PDB file of N, CA and C in Angstrom:
ATOM      1  N   MET A   1     -26.950 -38.555  -5.885  1.00  0.00           N
ATOM      2  CA  MET A   1     -25.499 -38.610  -5.999  1.00  0.00           C
ATOM      3  C   MET A   1     -24.967 -39.812  -5.227  1.00  0.00           C
ATOM      4  N   ASP A   2     -24.013 -40.429  -5.814  1.00  0.00           N
ATOM      5  CA  ASP A   2     -23.358 -41.558  -5.180  1.00  0.00           C
ATOM      6  C   ASP A   2     -22.370 -41.047  -4.138  1.00  0.00           C
ATOM      7  N   TRP A   3     -22.038 -41.838  -3.145  1.00  0.00           N
ATOM      8  CA  TRP A   3     -21.112 -41.408  -2.094  1.00  0.00           C
ATOM      9  C   TRP A   3     -19.714 -41.170  -2.637  1.00  0.00           C
ATOM     10  N   VAL A   4     -19.348 -41.807  -3.726  1.00  0.00           N
ATOM     11  CA  VAL A   4     -18.035 -41.600  -4.335  1.00  0.00           C
ATOM     12  C   VAL A   4     -17.937 -40.177  -4.895  1.00  0.00           C
ATOM     13  N   GLU A   5     -19.017 -39.683  -5.467  1.00  0.00           N
ATOM     14  CA  GLU A   5     -19.022 -38.314  -5.994  1.00  0.00           C
ATOM     15  C   GLU A   5     -18.923 -37.293  -4.862  1.00  0.00           C
ATOM     16  N   TRP A   6     -19.575 -37.589  -3.728  1.00  0.00           N
ATOM     17  CA  TRP A   6     -19.470 -36.698  -2.563  1.00  0.00           C
ATOM     18  C   TRP A   6     -18.035 -36.651  -2.041  1.00  0.00           C
ATOM     19  N   VAL A   7     -17.375 -37.790  -1.984  1.00  0.00           N
ATOM     20  CA  VAL A   7     -15.984 -37.846  -1.518  1.00  0.00           C
ATOM     21  C   VAL A   7     -15.078 -37.101  -2.493  1.00  0.00           C
ATOM     22  N   ARG A   8     -15.319 -37.263  -3.785  1.00  0.00           N
ATOM     23  CA  ARG A   8     -14.525 -36.570  -4.803  1.00  0.00           C
ATOM     24  C   ARG A   8     -14.711 -35.046  -4.688  1.00  0.00           C
ATOM     25  N   ALA A   9     -15.943 -34.575  -4.480  1.00  0.00           N
ATOM     26  CA  ALA A   9     -16.205 -33.138  -4.330  1.00  0.00           C
ATOM     27  C   ALA A   9     -15.553 -32.596  -3.059  1.00  0.00           C
ATOM     28  N   LEU A  10     -15.631 -33.360  -1.966  1.00  0.00           N
ATOM     29  CA  LEU A  10     -15.002 -32.937  -0.718  1.00  0.00           C
ATOM     30  C   LEU A  10     -13.478 -32.874  -0.870  1.00  0.00           C
ATOM     31  N   PHE A  11     -12.896 -33.851  -1.537  1.00  0.00           N
ATOM     32  CA  PHE A  11     -11.455 -33.841  -1.781  1.00  0.00           C
ATOM     33  C   PHE A  11     -11.049 -32.639  -2.638  1.00  0.00           C
ATOM     34  N   ALA A  12     -11.834 -32.324  -3.653  1.00  0.00           N
ATOM     35  CA  ALA A  12     -11.529 -31.166  -4.511  1.00  0.00           C
ATOM     36  C   ALA A  12     -11.592 -29.876  -3.698  1.00  0.00           C
ATOM     37  N   LEU A  13     -12.579 -29.754  -2.822  1.00  0.00           N
ATOM     38  CA  LEU A  13     -12.688 -28.570  -1.971  1.00  0.00           C
ATOM     39  C   LEU A  13     -11.498 -28.457  -1.033  1.00  0.00           C
ATOM     40  N   LEU A  14     -11.123 -29.542  -0.386  1.00  0.00           N
ATOM     41  CA  LEU A  14      -9.971 -29.521   0.523  1.00  0.00           C
ATOM     42  C   LEU A  14      -8.669 -29.222  -0.215  1.00  0.00           C
ATOM     43  N   ALA A  15      -8.506 -29.765  -1.408  1.00  0.00           N
ATOM     44  CA  ALA A  15      -7.301 -29.491  -2.189  1.00  0.00           C
ATOM     45  C   ALA A  15      -7.235 -28.023  -2.588  1.00  0.00           C
ATOM     46  N   THR A  16      -8.381 -27.439  -2.970  1.00  0.00           N
ATOM     47  CA  THR A  16      -8.419 -26.021  -3.337  1.00  0.00           C
ATOM     48  C   THR A  16      -8.070 -25.140  -2.138  1.00  0.00           C
ATOM     49  N   LEU A  17      -8.654 -25.435  -0.983  1.00  0.00           N
ATOM     50  CA  LEU A  17      -8.348 -24.664   0.224  1.00  0.00           C
ATOM     51  C   LEU A  17      -6.882 -24.815   0.637  1.00  0.00           C
ATOM     52  N   ALA A  18      -6.327 -26.003   0.460  1.00  0.00           N
ATOM     53  CA  ALA A  18      -4.915 -26.220   0.783  1.00  0.00           C
ATOM     54  C   ALA A  18      -4.013 -25.400  -0.141  1.00  0.00           C
ATOM     55  N   LEU A  19      -4.342 -25.324  -1.421  1.00  0.00           N
ATOM     56  CA  LEU A  19      -3.548 -24.526  -2.354  1.00  0.00           C
ATOM     57  C   LEU A  19      -3.632 -23.040  -2.035  1.00  0.00           C
ATOM     58  N   ILE A  20      -4.817 -22.556  -1.654  1.00  0.00           N
ATOM     59  CA  ILE A  20      -4.957 -21.152  -1.268  1.00  0.00           C
ATOM     60  C   ILE A  20      -4.124 -20.858  -0.022  1.00  0.00           C
ATOM     61  N   GLY A  21      -4.171 -21.756   0.960  1.00  0.00           N
ATOM     62  CA  GLY A  21      -3.373 -21.586   2.169  1.00  0.00           C
ATOM     63  C   GLY A  21      -1.885 -21.612   1.876  1.00  0.00           C
ATOM     64  N   LEU A  22      -1.453 -22.491   1.005  1.00  0.00           N
ATOM     65  CA  LEU A  22      -0.043 -22.571   0.631  1.00  0.00           C
ATOM     66  C   LEU A  22       0.407 -21.302  -0.078  1.00  0.00           C
ATOM     67  N   ALA A  23      -0.437 -20.778  -0.964  1.00  0.00           N
ATOM     68  CA  ALA A  23      -0.098 -19.526  -1.652  1.00  0.00           C
ATOM     69  C   ALA A  23       0.011 -18.376  -0.661  1.00  0.00           C
ATOM     70  N   PHE A  24      -0.865 -18.341   0.345  1.00  0.00           N
ATOM     71  CA  PHE A  24      -0.792 -17.306   1.373  1.00  0.00           C
ATOM     72  C   PHE A  24       0.499 -17.420   2.177  1.00  0.00           C
ATOM     73  N   LEU A  25       0.877 -18.622   2.562  1.00  0.00           N
ATOM     74  CA  LEU A  25       2.116 -18.810   3.329  1.00  0.00           C
ATOM     75  C   LEU A  25       3.344 -18.406   2.525  1.00  0.00           C
ATOM     76  N   VAL A  26       3.368 -18.740   1.248  1.00  0.00           N
ATOM     77  CA  VAL A  26       4.493 -18.346   0.399  1.00  0.00           C
ATOM     78  C   VAL A  26       4.540 -16.825   0.251  1.00  0.00           C
ATOM     79  N   ALA A  27       3.388 -16.198   0.055  1.00  0.00           N
ATOM     80  CA  ALA A  27       3.341 -14.739  -0.079  1.00  0.00           C
ATOM     81  C   ALA A  27       3.792 -14.065   1.213  1.00  0.00           C
ATOM     82  N   ARG A  28       3.388 -14.597   2.361  1.00  0.00           N
ATOM     83  CA  ARG A  28       3.815 -14.018   3.635  1.00  0.00           C
ATOM     84  C   ARG A  28       5.316 -14.216   3.844  1.00  0.00           C
ATOM     85  N   ARG A  29       5.813 -15.357   3.443  1.00  0.00           N
ATOM     86  CA  ARG A  29       7.247 -15.641   3.585  1.00  0.00           C
ATOM     87  C   ARG A  29       8.091 -14.690   2.726  1.00  0.00           C
ATOM     88  N   LEU A  30       7.556 -14.318   1.539  1.00  0.00           N
ATOM     89  CA  LEU A  30       8.265 -13.412   0.637  1.00  0.00           C
ATOM     90  C   LEU A  30       8.027 -11.947   0.977  1.00  0.00           C
ATOM     91  N   GLY A  31       7.188 -11.664   1.971  1.00  0.00           N
ATOM     92  CA  GLY A  31       6.948 -10.294   2.398  1.00  0.00           C
ATOM     93  C   GLY A  31       5.891  -9.566   1.597  1.00  0.00           C
ATOM     94  N   MET A  32       5.065 -10.294   0.864  1.00  0.00           N
ATOM     95  CA  MET A  32       4.016  -9.663   0.067  1.00  0.00           C
ATOM     96  C   MET A  32       2.763  -9.382   0.885  1.00  0.00           C
ATOM     97  N   VAL A  33       2.612 -10.042   2.015  1.00  0.00           N
ATOM     98  CA  VAL A  33       1.432  -9.902   2.863  1.00  0.00           C
ATOM     99  C   VAL A  33       1.908  -9.494   4.246  1.00  0.00           C
ATOM    100  N   GLY A  34       1.120  -8.716   4.930  1.00  0.00           N
ATOM    101  CA  GLY A  34       1.489  -8.363   6.295  1.00  0.00           C
ATOM    102  C   GLY A  34       1.118  -6.945   6.635  1.00  0.00           C
ATOM    103  N   GLY A  35       0.870  -6.118   5.619  1.00  0.00           N
ATOM    104  CA  GLY A  35       0.444  -4.756   5.871  1.00  0.00           C
ATOM    105  C   GLY A  35       1.584  -3.842   6.252  1.00  0.00           C
ATOM    106  N   VAL A  36       1.206  -2.627   6.583  1.00  0.00           N
ATOM    107  CA  VAL A  36       2.156  -1.582   6.937  1.00  0.00           C
ATOM    108  C   VAL A  36       2.054  -1.330   8.424  1.00  0.00           C
ATOM    109  N   ARG A  37       3.187  -1.100   9.050  1.00  0.00           N
ATOM    110  CA  ARG A  37       3.188  -0.819  10.480  1.00  0.00           C
ATOM    111  C   ARG A  37       2.441   0.476  10.757  1.00  0.00           C
ATOM    112  N   GLN A  38       1.669   0.479  11.816  1.00  0.00           N
ATOM    113  CA  GLN A  38       0.981   1.679  12.244  1.00  0.00           C
ATOM    114  C   GLN A  38       1.660   2.185  13.508  1.00  0.00           C
ATOM    115  N   GLY A  39       1.714   3.484  13.660  1.00  0.00           N
ATOM    116  CA  GLY A  39       2.281   4.034  14.872  1.00  0.00           C
ATOM    117  C   GLY A  39       3.128   5.254  14.585  1.00  0.00           C
ATOM    118  N   ALA A  40       3.682   5.815  15.639  1.00  0.00           N
ATOM    119  CA  ALA A  40       4.437   7.066  15.530  1.00  0.00           C
ATOM    120  C   ALA A  40       5.869   6.850  15.060  1.00  0.00           C
ATOM    121  N   ASP A  41       6.350   5.617  15.004  1.00  0.00           N
ATOM    122  CA  ASP A  41       7.746   5.380  14.644  1.00  0.00           C
ATOM    123  C   ASP A  41       7.978   5.330  13.139  1.00  0.00           C
ATOM    124  N   ARG A  42       6.945   5.582  12.332  1.00  0.00           N
ATOM    125  CA  ARG A  42       7.113   5.581  10.881  1.00  0.00           C
ATOM    126  C   ARG A  42       7.774   6.883  10.446  1.00  0.00           C
ATOM    127  N   ARG A  43       8.740   6.788   9.554  1.00  0.00           N
ATOM    128  CA  ARG A  43       9.498   7.952   9.101  1.00  0.00           C
ATOM    129  C   ARG A  43       9.005   8.504   7.780  1.00  0.00           C
ATOM    130  N   LEU A  44       8.320   7.713   6.982  1.00  0.00           N
ATOM    131  CA  LEU A  44       7.958   8.099   5.630  1.00  0.00           C
ATOM    132  C   LEU A  44       6.444   8.033   5.466  1.00  0.00           C
ATOM    133  N   ARG A  45       5.866   9.106   4.895  1.00  0.00           N
ATOM    134  CA  ARG A  45       4.435   9.080   4.602  1.00  0.00           C
ATOM    135  C   ARG A  45       4.123  10.036   3.461  1.00  0.00           C
ATOM    136  N   VAL A  46       3.058   9.734   2.733  1.00  0.00           N
ATOM    137  CA  VAL A  46       2.586  10.592   1.654  1.00  0.00           C
ATOM    138  C   VAL A  46       1.630  11.603   2.278  1.00  0.00           C
ATOM    139  N   VAL A  47       1.981  12.886   2.186  1.00  0.00           N
ATOM    140  CA  VAL A  47       1.171  13.947   2.766  1.00  0.00           C
ATOM    141  C   VAL A  47       0.003  14.270   1.847  1.00  0.00           C
ATOM    142  N   GLU A  48       0.290  14.371   0.546  1.00  0.00           N
ATOM    143  CA  GLU A  48      -0.749  14.735  -0.413  1.00  0.00           C
ATOM    144  C   GLU A  48      -0.400  14.145  -1.774  1.00  0.00           C
ATOM    145  N   SER A  49      -1.427  13.912  -2.577  1.00  0.00           N
ATOM    146  CA  SER A  49      -1.257  13.352  -3.915  1.00  0.00           C
ATOM    147  C   SER A  49      -2.181  14.092  -4.874  1.00  0.00           C
ATOM    148  N   LEU A  50      -1.686  14.388  -6.076  1.00  0.00           N
ATOM    149  CA  LEU A  50      -2.480  15.112  -7.073  1.00  0.00           C
ATOM    150  C   LEU A  50      -2.239  14.482  -8.440  1.00  0.00           C
ATOM    151  N   MET A  51      -3.332  14.018  -9.074  1.00  0.00           N
ATOM    152  CA  MET A  51      -3.228  13.471 -10.426  1.00  0.00           C
ATOM    153  C   MET A  51      -3.185  14.621 -11.420  1.00  0.00           C
ATOM    154  N   LEU A  52      -2.137  14.693 -12.222  1.00  0.00           N
ATOM    155  CA  LEU A  52      -2.028  15.725 -13.253  1.00  0.00           C
ATOM    156  C   LEU A  52      -2.754  15.312 -14.520  1.00  0.00           C
ATOM    157  N   ASP A  53      -2.567  14.080 -14.913  1.00  0.00           N
ATOM    158  CA  ASP A  53      -3.258  13.481 -16.043  1.00  0.00           C
ATOM    159  C   ASP A  53      -3.269  11.977 -15.793  1.00  0.00           C
ATOM    160  N   PRO A  54      -3.831  11.172 -16.703  1.00  0.00           N
ATOM    161  CA  PRO A  54      -3.908   9.731 -16.424  1.00  0.00           C
ATOM    162  C   PRO A  54      -2.560   9.036 -16.243  1.00  0.00           C
ATOM    163  N   ARG A  55      -1.478   9.682 -16.633  1.00  0.00           N
ATOM    164  CA  ARG A  55      -0.171   9.020 -16.553  1.00  0.00           C
ATOM    165  C   ARG A  55       0.776   9.624 -15.536  1.00  0.00           C
ATOM    166  N   ARG A  56       0.523  10.845 -15.083  1.00  0.00           N
ATOM    167  CA  ARG A  56       1.461  11.516 -14.179  1.00  0.00           C
ATOM    168  C   ARG A  56       0.770  11.943 -12.889  1.00  0.00           C
ATOM    169  N   LYS A  57       1.543  11.947 -11.794  1.00  0.00           N
ATOM    170  CA  LYS A  57       1.025  12.282 -10.486  1.00  0.00           C
ATOM    171  C   LYS A  57       2.071  13.067  -9.709  1.00  0.00           C
ATOM    172  N   LEU A  58       1.623  14.072  -8.967  1.00  0.00           N
ATOM    173  CA  LEU A  58       2.488  14.809  -8.044  1.00  0.00           C
ATOM    174  C   LEU A  58       2.283  14.241  -6.646  1.00  0.00           C
ATOM    175  N   LEU A  59       3.379  13.984  -5.945  1.00  0.00           N
ATOM    176  CA  LEU A  59       3.321  13.476  -4.583  1.00  0.00           C
ATOM    177  C   LEU A  59       4.090  14.405  -3.658  1.00  0.00           C
ATOM    178  N   LEU A  60       3.513  14.712  -2.521  1.00  0.00           N
ATOM    179  CA  LEU A  60       4.212  15.425  -1.467  1.00  0.00           C
ATOM    180  C   LEU A  60       4.507  14.397  -0.386  1.00  0.00           C
ATOM    181  N   VAL A  61       5.793  14.073  -0.228  1.00  0.00           N
ATOM    182  CA  VAL A  61       6.226  13.005   0.668  1.00  0.00           C
ATOM    183  C   VAL A  61       7.004  13.610   1.821  1.00  0.00           C
ATOM    184  N   ARG A  62       6.666  13.202   3.043  1.00  0.00           N
ATOM    185  CA  ARG A  62       7.390  13.676   4.227  1.00  0.00           C
ATOM    186  C   ARG A  62       8.300  12.562   4.727  1.00  0.00           C
ATOM    187  N   CYS A  63       9.568  12.894   4.913  1.00  0.00           N
ATOM    188  CA  CYS A  63      10.544  11.972   5.475  1.00  0.00           C
ATOM    189  C   CYS A  63      11.284  12.720   6.577  1.00  0.00           C
ATOM    190  N   ASP A  64      11.137  12.252   7.807  1.00  0.00           N
ATOM    191  CA  ASP A  64      11.694  12.904   8.991  1.00  0.00           C
ATOM    192  C   ASP A  64      11.221  14.354   9.046  1.00  0.00           C
ATOM    193  N   ASP A  65      12.113  15.324   8.935  1.00  0.00           N
ATOM    194  CA  ASP A  65      11.717  16.726   9.036  1.00  0.00           C
ATOM    195  C   ASP A  65      11.797  17.444   7.692  1.00  0.00           C
ATOM    196  N   ARG A  66      11.718  16.702   6.587  1.00  0.00           N
ATOM    197  CA  ARG A  66      11.786  17.281   5.243  1.00  0.00           C
ATOM    198  C   ARG A  66      10.577  16.828   4.424  1.00  0.00           C
ATOM    199  N   GLU A  67      10.127  17.700   3.527  1.00  0.00           N
ATOM    200  CA  GLU A  67       9.074  17.348   2.577  1.00  0.00           C
ATOM    201  C   GLU A  67       9.651  17.405   1.168  1.00  0.00           C
ATOM    202  N   HIS A  68       9.333  16.411   0.369  1.00  0.00           N
ATOM    203  CA  HIS A  68       9.844  16.305  -0.999  1.00  0.00           C
ATOM    204  C   HIS A  68       8.662  16.298  -1.956  1.00  0.00           C
ATOM    205  N   LEU A  69       8.745  17.111  -3.020  1.00  0.00           N
ATOM    206  CA  LEU A  69       7.730  17.134  -4.064  1.00  0.00           C
ATOM    207  C   LEU A  69       8.243  16.279  -5.216  1.00  0.00           C
ATOM    208  N   LEU A  70       7.515  15.205  -5.526  1.00  0.00           N
ATOM    209  CA  LEU A  70       7.940  14.246  -6.543  1.00  0.00           C
ATOM    210  C   LEU A  70       6.945  14.235  -7.692  1.00  0.00           C
ATOM    211  N   LEU A  71       7.462  14.151  -8.915  1.00  0.00           N
ATOM    212  CA  LEU A  71       6.654  13.952 -10.107  1.00  0.00           C
ATOM    213  C   LEU A  71       6.857  12.504 -10.539  1.00  0.00           C
ATOM    214  N   VAL A  72       5.786  11.722 -10.513  1.00  0.00           N
ATOM    215  CA  VAL A  72       5.856  10.298 -10.803  1.00  0.00           C
ATOM    216  C   VAL A  72       5.110  10.039 -12.098  1.00  0.00           C
ATOM    217  N   GLY A  73       5.753   9.324 -13.018  1.00  0.00           N
ATOM    218  CA  GLY A  73       5.130   9.007 -14.300  1.00  0.00           C
ATOM    219  C   GLY A  73       5.856   7.878 -14.986  1.00  0.00           C
ATOM    220  N   PRO A  74       5.348   7.441 -16.136  1.00  0.00           N
ATOM    221  CA  PRO A  74       5.965   6.318 -16.841  1.00  0.00           C
ATOM    222  C   PRO A  74       7.338   6.659 -17.411  1.00  0.00           C
ATOM    223  N   GLY A  75       7.624   7.923 -17.644  1.00  0.00           N
ATOM    224  CA  GLY A  75       8.921   8.314 -18.185  1.00  0.00           C
ATOM    225  C   GLY A  75      10.007   8.377 -17.121  1.00  0.00           C
ATOM    226  N   GLY A  76       9.654   8.158 -15.895  1.00  0.00           N
ATOM    227  CA  GLY A  76      10.614   8.218 -14.800  1.00  0.00           C
ATOM    228  C   GLY A  76      10.077   9.100 -13.683  1.00  0.00           C
ATOM    229  N   ASP A  77      10.757   9.070 -12.566  1.00  0.00           N
ATOM    230  CA  ASP A  77      10.365   9.858 -11.405  1.00  0.00           C
ATOM    231  C   ASP A  77      11.356  11.001 -11.224  1.00  0.00           C
ATOM    232  N   ARG A  78      10.851  12.147 -10.776  1.00  0.00           N
ATOM    233  CA  ARG A  78      11.692  13.320 -10.596  1.00  0.00           C
ATOM    234  C   ARG A  78      11.406  13.986  -9.275  1.00  0.00           C
ATOM    235  N   LYS A  79      12.444  14.426  -8.578  1.00  0.00           N
ATOM    236  CA  LYS A  79      12.274  15.232  -7.380  1.00  0.00           C
ATOM    237  C   LYS A  79      12.292  16.689  -7.815  1.00  0.00           C
ATOM    238  N   LEU A  80      11.171  17.378  -7.591  1.00  0.00           N
ATOM    239  CA  LEU A  80      11.059  18.755  -8.039  1.00  0.00           C
ATOM    240  C   LEU A  80      11.541  19.745  -6.983  1.00  0.00           C
ATOM    241  N   ASP A  81      11.276  19.461  -5.703  1.00  0.00           N
ATOM    242  CA  ASP A  81      11.611  20.415  -4.656  1.00  0.00           C
ATOM    243  C   ASP A  81      11.748  19.691  -3.332  1.00  0.00           C
ATOM    244  N   THR A  82      12.537  20.288  -2.434  1.00  0.00           N
ATOM    245  CA  THR A  82      12.702  19.805  -1.069  1.00  0.00           C
ATOM    246  C   THR A  82      12.627  21.002  -0.145  1.00  0.00           C
ATOM    247  N   ALA A  83      11.872  20.863   0.948  1.00  0.00           N
ATOM    248  CA  ALA A  83      11.711  21.958   1.899  1.00  0.00           C
ATOM    249  C   ALA A  83      11.558  21.381   3.300  1.00  0.00           C
ATOM    250  N   PRO A  84      11.826  22.203   4.315  1.00  0.00           N
ATOM    251  CA  PRO A  84      11.562  21.727   5.683  1.00  0.00           C
ATOM    252  C   PRO A  84      10.071  21.465   5.873  1.00  0.00           C
ATOM    253  N   ALA A  85       9.742  20.453   6.659  1.00  0.00           N
ATOM    254  CA  ALA A  85       8.342  20.102   6.879  1.00  0.00           C
ATOM    255  C   ALA A  85       7.654  21.138   7.746  1.00  0.00           C
ATOM    256  N   LYS A  86       6.426  21.453   7.389  1.00  0.00           N
ATOM    257  CA  LYS A  86       5.627  22.379   8.186  1.00  0.00           C
ATOM    258  C   LYS A  86       4.966  21.603   9.311  1.00  0.00           C
ATOM    259  N   PRO A  87       4.725  22.260  10.453  1.00  0.00           N
ATOM    260  CA  PRO A  87       4.045  21.548  11.542  1.00  0.00           C
ATOM    261  C   PRO A  87       2.634  21.171  11.140  1.00  0.00           C
ATOM    262  N   ALA A  88       2.125  20.101  11.734  1.00  0.00           N
ATOM    263  CA  ALA A  88       0.787  19.624  11.400  1.00  0.00           C
ATOM    264  C   ALA A  88      -0.261  20.634  11.850  1.00  0.00           C
ATOM    265  N   GLN A  89      -1.320  20.810  11.029  1.00  0.00           N
ATOM    266  CA  GLN A  89      -2.384  21.744  11.346  1.00  0.00           C
ATOM    267  C   GLN A  89      -3.337  21.110  12.353  1.00  0.00           C
ATOM    268  N   THR A  90      -3.892  21.955  13.221  1.00  0.00           N
ATOM    269  CA  THR A  90      -4.904  21.468  14.156  1.00  0.00           C
ATOM    270  C   THR A  90      -6.254  21.494  13.454  1.00  0.00           C
ATOM    271  N   THR A  91      -7.112  20.541  13.777  1.00  0.00           N
ATOM    272  CA  THR A  91      -8.412  20.464  13.124  1.00  0.00           C
ATOM    273  C   THR A  91      -9.480  21.247  13.871  1.00  0.00           C
ATOM    274  N   GLY A  92      -9.137  21.869  14.985  1.00  0.00           N
ATOM    275  CA  GLY A  92     -10.123  22.584  15.796  1.00  0.00           C
ATOM    276  C   GLY A  92     -10.539  23.909  15.227  1.00  0.00           C
ATOM    277  N   GLU A  93      -9.681  24.605  14.495  1.00  0.00           N
ATOM    278  CA  GLU A  93      -9.989  25.942  14.003  1.00  0.00           C
ATOM    279  C   GLU A  93     -10.194  25.917  12.490  1.00  0.00           C
ATOM    280  N   PRO A  94     -11.216  26.615  11.990  1.00  0.00           N
ATOM    281  CA  PRO A  94     -11.419  26.661  10.530  1.00  0.00           C
ATOM    282  C   PRO A  94     -10.346  27.504   9.867  1.00  0.00           C
ATOM    283  N   LEU A  95     -10.044  27.149   8.623  1.00  0.00           N
ATOM    284  CA  LEU A  95      -9.058  27.879   7.845  1.00  0.00           C
ATOM    285  C   LEU A  95      -9.701  29.109   7.237  1.00  0.00           C
ATOM    286  N   ALA A  96      -8.960  30.211   7.139  1.00  0.00           N
ATOM    287  CA  ALA A  96      -9.505  31.470   6.595  1.00  0.00           C
ATOM    288  C   ALA A  96      -9.568  31.430   5.082  1.00  0.00           C
TER     289      ALA A  96
END
């Protein structure tokens, strides 16, 4: 290989890496990258999920001290029920 081909390959590699870095910076700036906060200050979480069929899913979502049962599907989302949240179960004792 001639040295010109090596320089061309190195330039192509650097340009590709620069484009990947630029795409990452744009995604981070738009809020697409960064993950979800971990810790006790989160108010919303999915307690349980159940697939009914390939298109519909039941979600049990906890927000503050309430639990909401949601039916999610392509035809729209529906809130089926709302109830006070139950206290978290301890993992030390087996369930009967």
